[in-house]
Amino acid sequence: MKISEILKSNKPTISFEVFPPKTEAAFESVEKAVNEIASFNPSYMSVTYGAGGGTSAHTVAIAKNIQCEKNVTALAHLSCISSTKELVHSQLEKLKQAGIENILALRGDIPEGFDSSHLEYHHASDLAKEIKDFGGFCIGGACYPEGHPDSANSMEDIDNLKKKIDAGCEFLTTQMFFDNNIHYKFLYKAREKGVNVPIIPGIMPITNGNQVERAIKLSGTIMPARFLSIVDRFGDDKEAMQQAGIAYATDQIIDLFANGINHIHVYSMNKPVVAKKILENLSEILK
């Protein structure tokens, strides 16, 4: 099923992001975790993609398994900044043959030491257009409620989102955020500027105090004082931090649902226990 169809529903849904292993040796353990998350029957699952296609084969294999073996709609990530058109078309062919109908088109980060003087793709919108011209896929894109780090300001960032939509993106998924007011303000600005495709909030349950620094580095997100107090109090207690982090993420999701946002994407970090607990916390809401 195409995600554009799933997003037409007014029923609250939860989807999860998983990531493929970086090595063959880790494939079995990752596949086991992914299969367990799929068994919870989320609305769909996204599978990330390594820079330069480093995990591209695993991305296709895991997405195919999710969709064909577990009967859960799969969304395959595809990044382009260090890719050639030949590599992108090869990946599109593989995804098509695997029966995957959904792609998240991303620019991606330039790998360290990569010669960027002859890039074939400069922006995610370039990739979205390429996928649209290829045909057959529902295309999604990424967005940043707190602004893309390369944009001069929020208005320029939203103008770039419109370019993605014009190029073929049918929905957007946000980078993680920990203060829902940031998302609501972003949503208002985006709608005011004519960004009318579904925008799916991305929620990251922080279950380990060490994740905080990485989350800030990845997204540049603002950590609310309320959340930092939780980390200060429980960060050194593994079990307590996991419980508190899941509770905080659940609270964010409930607030988003209550304010009319029906579809939430959770960055599960390949942790079945996180996915399971969140779904248990929302069991009546998701009925």
Protein backbone atom coordinates (compact mmCIF):
# COMPACT_ATOMS: atom_id res chain seq x y z
CA MET A 1 0.00 0.00 0.00
CA LYS A 2 1.15 3.52 -0.72
CA ILE A 3 1.65 5.71 2.34
CA SER A 4 -0.37 8.48 0.72
CA GLU A 5 -3.39 6.18 1.11
CA ILE A 6 -2.60 5.38 4.76
CA LEU A 7 -2.40 9.11 5.54
CA LYS A 8 -5.93 9.71 4.29
CA SER A 9 -7.28 7.94 7.37
CA ASN A 10 -8.56 9.99 10.31
CA LYS A 11 -7.74 7.12 12.64
CA PRO A 12 -4.62 7.64 14.82
CA THR A 13 -1.67 5.57 13.60
CA ILE A 14 1.89 4.85 14.70
CA SER A 15 4.75 3.92 12.37
CA PHE A 16 8.35 3.04 13.24
CA GLU A 17 11.78 3.68 11.77
CA VAL A 18 14.39 0.91 11.79
CA PHE A 19 17.91 0.82 10.42
CA PRO A 20 19.81 -1.94 8.60
CA PRO A 21 23.06 -3.44 9.91
CA LYS A 22 26.36 -1.98 8.79
CA THR A 23 27.94 -5.44 8.51
CA GLU A 24 26.84 -8.91 7.45
CA ALA A 25 27.68 -10.21 10.91
CA ALA A 26 25.05 -7.99 12.49
CA PHE A 27 22.32 -8.78 9.98
CA GLU A 28 20.71 -11.61 11.92
CA SER A 29 20.33 -9.66 15.17
CA VAL A 30 18.94 -6.60 13.37
CA GLU A 31 16.54 -8.72 11.34
CA LYS A 32 15.26 -10.33 14.55
CA ALA A 33 14.59 -6.92 16.14
CA VAL A 34 12.92 -5.60 12.99
CA ASN A 35 10.70 -8.67 12.72
CA GLU A 36 9.61 -8.25 16.32
CA ILE A 37 8.68 -4.60 15.73
CA ALA A 38 6.81 -5.62 12.57
CA SER A 39 4.84 -8.17 14.59
CA PHE A 40 3.23 -5.25 16.48
CA ASN A 41 1.50 -4.32 13.19
CA PRO A 42 2.40 -0.62 12.86
CA SER A 43 0.83 1.38 10.04
CA TYR A 44 4.17 1.21 8.19
CA MET A 45 7.90 0.92 8.84
CA SER A 46 10.71 2.97 7.32
CA VAL A 47 14.18 1.55 6.68
CA THR A 48 17.18 3.89 6.62
CA TYR A 49 19.94 4.02 4.01
CA GLY A 50 23.67 4.50 4.54
CA ALA A 51 25.56 7.41 2.99
CA GLY A 52 26.84 6.52 -0.46
CA GLY A 53 24.72 3.39 -0.48
CA GLY A 54 26.82 1.64 2.15
CA THR A 55 23.85 -0.33 3.47
CA SER A 56 21.73 -0.20 0.32
CA ALA A 57 21.53 -3.97 -0.16
CA HIS A 58 20.43 -4.42 3.45
CA THR A 59 17.87 -1.63 3.08
CA VAL A 60 16.21 -3.46 0.18
CA ALA A 61 16.37 -6.86 1.91
CA ILE A 62 14.86 -5.60 5.17
CA ALA A 63 12.19 -3.52 3.44
CA LYS A 64 11.23 -6.52 1.30
CA ASN A 65 11.04 -8.78 4.36
CA ILE A 66 8.88 -6.26 6.25
CA GLN A 67 6.45 -5.96 3.36
CA CYS A 68 6.40 -9.45 1.84
CA GLU A 69 6.90 -11.65 4.90
CA LYS A 70 5.37 -9.51 7.66
CA ASN A 71 2.65 -7.79 5.60
CA VAL A 72 3.58 -4.34 6.92
CA THR A 73 3.91 -1.47 4.44
CA ALA A 74 7.58 -0.54 3.97
CA LEU A 75 9.10 2.88 3.31
CA ALA A 76 12.67 2.68 1.99
CA HIS A 77 14.98 5.64 2.57
CA LEU A 78 17.15 6.73 -0.35
CA SER A 79 19.84 9.43 -0.09
CA CYS A 80 21.57 11.06 -3.03
CA ILE A 81 24.28 13.57 -2.10
CA SER A 82 27.20 11.21 -2.73
CA SER A 83 25.41 8.98 -5.25
CA THR A 84 25.59 8.80 -9.01
CA LYS A 85 22.49 8.65 -11.19
CA GLU A 86 23.53 5.14 -12.14
CA LEU A 87 23.53 4.06 -8.49
CA VAL A 88 20.17 5.74 -7.81
CA HIS A 89 18.54 4.06 -10.82
CA SER A 90 20.00 0.72 -9.80
CA GLN A 91 18.48 1.11 -6.33
CA LEU A 92 15.13 2.15 -7.78
CA GLU A 93 15.10 -0.97 -9.95
CA LYS A 94 15.90 -3.17 -6.95
CA LEU A 95 13.14 -1.58 -4.87
CA LYS A 96 10.66 -1.95 -7.72
CA GLN A 97 11.54 -5.62 -8.15
CA ALA A 98 11.17 -6.13 -4.38
CA GLY A 99 7.63 -4.74 -4.54
CA ILE A 100 8.41 -1.60 -2.51
CA GLU A 101 6.07 1.27 -3.37
CA ASN A 102 7.28 4.00 -0.99
CA ILE A 103 10.55 5.96 -0.87
CA LEU A 104 11.74 8.71 1.49
CA ALA A 105 13.90 10.95 -0.70
CA LEU A 106 16.79 12.47 1.25
CA ARG A 107 19.82 14.54 0.44
CA GLY A 108 21.93 12.86 3.10
CA ASP A 109 25.24 13.92 4.60
CA ILE A 110 28.44 14.11 2.56
CA PRO A 111 30.76 11.33 3.82
CA GLU A 112 34.03 12.49 5.32
CA GLY A 113 36.73 12.76 2.68
CA PHE A 114 34.27 12.62 -0.23
CA ASP A 115 35.11 14.78 -3.28
CA SER A 116 32.04 16.99 -3.59
CA SER A 117 33.23 18.93 -6.63
CA HIS A 118 31.30 16.77 -9.10
CA LEU A 119 28.02 16.07 -7.39
CA GLU A 120 25.22 14.73 -9.60
CA TYR A 121 22.60 15.63 -6.97
CA HIS A 122 22.66 18.71 -4.78
CA HIS A 123 19.29 18.64 -3.03
CA ALA A 124 16.61 16.15 -2.00
CA SER A 125 14.30 17.86 -4.51
CA ASP A 126 16.66 16.70 -7.29
CA LEU A 127 16.24 13.11 -6.09
CA ALA A 128 12.47 13.46 -5.69
CA LYS A 129 12.17 14.58 -9.32
CA GLU A 130 14.33 11.65 -10.44
CA ILE A 131 12.11 9.19 -8.58
CA LYS A 132 8.94 10.79 -9.92
CA ASP A 133 10.27 10.60 -13.47
CA PHE A 134 11.14 6.93 -12.86
CA GLY A 135 7.54 6.36 -11.83
CA GLY A 136 5.61 3.96 -9.62
CA PHE A 137 6.59 5.21 -6.16
CA CYS A 138 4.91 7.28 -3.46
CA ILE A 139 7.58 9.80 -2.48
CA GLY A 140 8.15 11.32 0.93
CA GLY A 141 10.61 13.94 2.13
CA ALA A 142 12.15 15.17 5.37
CA CYS A 143 11.61 18.48 7.15
CA TYR A 144 13.04 20.28 10.16
CA PRO A 145 10.66 21.99 12.61
CA GLU A 146 13.60 23.96 14.01
CA GLY A 147 14.99 24.77 10.57
CA HIS A 148 17.42 22.92 8.32
CA PRO A 149 21.00 23.63 9.46
CA ASP A 150 21.93 24.78 5.94
CA SER A 151 19.04 27.25 5.59
CA ALA A 152 19.56 30.93 6.31
CA ASN A 153 16.20 31.18 8.09
CA SER A 154 12.89 29.38 8.55
CA MET A 155 11.25 31.04 5.55
CA GLU A 156 14.03 29.92 3.21
CA ASP A 157 13.70 26.44 4.68
CA ILE A 158 9.95 26.33 3.96
CA ASP A 159 10.55 27.60 0.41
CA ASN A 160 12.86 24.63 -0.06
CA LEU A 161 10.13 22.31 1.23
CA LYS A 162 7.84 23.66 -1.47
CA LYS A 163 10.50 22.73 -4.04
CA LYS A 164 10.44 19.15 -2.73
CA ILE A 165 6.67 19.03 -3.07
CA ASP A 166 6.77 20.51 -6.57
CA ALA A 167 9.35 17.84 -7.43
CA GLY A 168 7.03 15.03 -6.32
CA CYS A 169 6.99 14.62 -2.52
CA GLU A 170 3.52 13.61 -1.30
CA PHE A 171 4.23 13.78 2.43
CA LEU A 172 6.91 15.00 4.84
CA THR A 173 8.34 13.48 8.01
CA THR A 174 9.95 15.74 10.60
CA GLN A 175 13.28 15.48 12.32
CA MET A 176 12.96 14.64 16.01
CA PHE A 177 11.81 17.34 18.42
CA PHE A 178 11.11 17.32 22.16
CA ASP A 179 8.82 20.32 22.53
CA ASN A 180 5.51 20.01 20.68
CA ASN A 181 5.09 23.79 20.55
CA ILE A 182 8.03 23.87 18.13
CA HIS A 183 6.13 21.54 15.82
CA TYR A 184 2.87 23.49 16.06
CA LYS A 185 4.63 26.76 15.18
CA PHE A 186 6.41 25.10 12.26
CA LEU A 187 3.15 23.58 11.04
CA TYR A 188 1.44 26.99 11.13
CA LYS A 189 4.26 28.63 9.13
CA ALA A 190 4.35 25.78 6.59
CA ARG A 191 0.58 25.84 6.02
CA GLU A 192 0.61 29.63 5.77
CA LYS A 193 3.24 29.34 3.00
CA GLY A 194 1.24 26.77 1.06
CA VAL A 195 2.86 23.52 2.19
CA ASN A 196 -0.30 21.42 2.20
CA VAL A 197 0.92 17.82 2.07
CA PRO A 198 0.67 15.69 5.25
CA ILE A 199 3.45 16.47 7.75
CA ILE A 200 4.19 13.53 10.05
CA PRO A 201 5.85 14.33 13.40
CA GLY A 202 8.97 12.28 14.14
CA ILE A 203 9.30 11.32 17.81
CA MET A 204 12.49 9.96 19.36
CA PRO A 205 12.09 8.18 22.72
CA ILE A 206 15.31 8.88 24.63
CA THR A 207 15.89 5.75 26.71
CA ASN A 208 19.55 6.29 27.52
CA GLY A 209 21.13 9.44 28.90
CA ASN A 210 23.97 9.12 26.39
CA GLN A 211 21.51 9.60 23.53
CA VAL A 212 20.93 13.24 24.42
CA GLU A 213 24.21 14.58 23.09
CA ARG A 214 23.84 12.57 19.88
CA ALA A 215 20.26 13.78 19.40
CA ILE A 216 21.36 17.40 19.71
CA LYS A 217 24.24 16.82 17.27
CA LEU A 218 22.00 15.11 14.71
CA SER A 219 19.12 17.54 14.77
CA GLY A 220 20.24 20.69 16.57
CA THR A 221 17.05 20.35 18.57
CA ILE A 222 16.20 22.33 21.67
CA MET A 223 15.91 20.20 24.78
CA PRO A 224 13.17 21.56 27.09
CA ALA A 225 14.06 22.06 30.75
CA ARG A 226 11.40 19.51 31.70
CA PHE A 227 13.10 16.87 29.58
CA LEU A 228 16.62 17.74 30.80
CA SER A 229 15.37 17.36 34.39
CA ILE A 230 14.31 13.81 33.54
CA VAL A 231 17.74 13.03 32.12
CA ASP A 232 19.49 14.61 35.13
CA ARG A 233 17.38 12.57 37.54
CA PHE A 234 17.26 9.19 35.77
CA GLY A 235 20.07 9.24 33.19
CA ASP A 236 22.40 7.03 35.20
CA ASP A 237 19.72 4.40 35.90
CA LYS A 238 19.19 2.35 32.73
CA GLU A 239 15.78 0.92 33.58
CA ALA A 240 14.44 4.14 35.09
CA MET A 241 15.63 6.23 32.11
CA GLN A 242 14.02 3.81 29.68
CA GLN A 243 10.70 4.04 31.50
CA ALA A 244 10.89 7.83 31.80
CA GLY A 245 11.95 8.29 28.18
CA ILE A 246 9.09 6.14 26.90
CA ALA A 247 6.65 8.01 29.15
CA TYR A 248 7.89 11.38 27.83
CA ALA A 249 7.55 10.26 24.20
CA THR A 250 4.10 8.84 24.91
CA ASP A 251 3.05 12.16 26.42
CA GLN A 252 4.24 13.97 23.27
CA ILE A 253 2.29 11.58 21.05
CA ILE A 254 -0.92 11.89 23.09
CA ASP A 255 -0.70 15.68 22.92
CA LEU A 256 -0.20 15.54 19.13
CA PHE A 257 -3.20 13.23 18.72
CA ALA A 258 -5.29 15.49 20.95
CA ASN A 259 -4.45 18.43 18.70
CA GLY A 260 -5.69 16.74 15.55
CA ILE A 261 -2.49 15.16 14.24
CA ASN A 262 -3.37 11.58 13.39
CA HIS A 263 -0.13 10.02 12.16
CA ILE A 264 3.10 9.77 14.17
CA HIS A 265 6.46 8.29 13.17
CA VAL A 266 8.62 6.92 15.99
CA TYR A 267 12.39 6.53 15.73
CA SER A 268 12.56 3.14 17.45
CA MET A 269 16.37 2.67 17.24
CA ASN A 270 15.67 -1.03 16.52
CA LYS A 271 14.41 -1.52 20.08
CA PRO A 272 11.32 -3.76 20.16
CA VAL A 273 10.73 -3.01 23.84
CA VAL A 274 10.40 0.71 23.05
CA ALA A 275 7.94 0.09 20.23
CA LYS A 276 5.93 -2.36 22.33
CA LYS A 277 5.68 -0.12 25.41
CA ILE A 278 4.60 2.90 23.37
CA LEU A 279 1.88 0.89 21.65
CA GLU A 280 0.74 -0.51 25.01
CA ASN A 281 0.55 3.03 26.42
CA LEU A 282 -1.64 4.05 23.47
CA SER A 283 -3.71 0.86 23.14
CA GLU A 284 -7.12 2.44 23.71
CA ILE A 285 -6.30 5.58 21.72
CA LEU A 286 -5.24 3.52 18.68
CA LYS A 287 -8.40 1.36 18.68
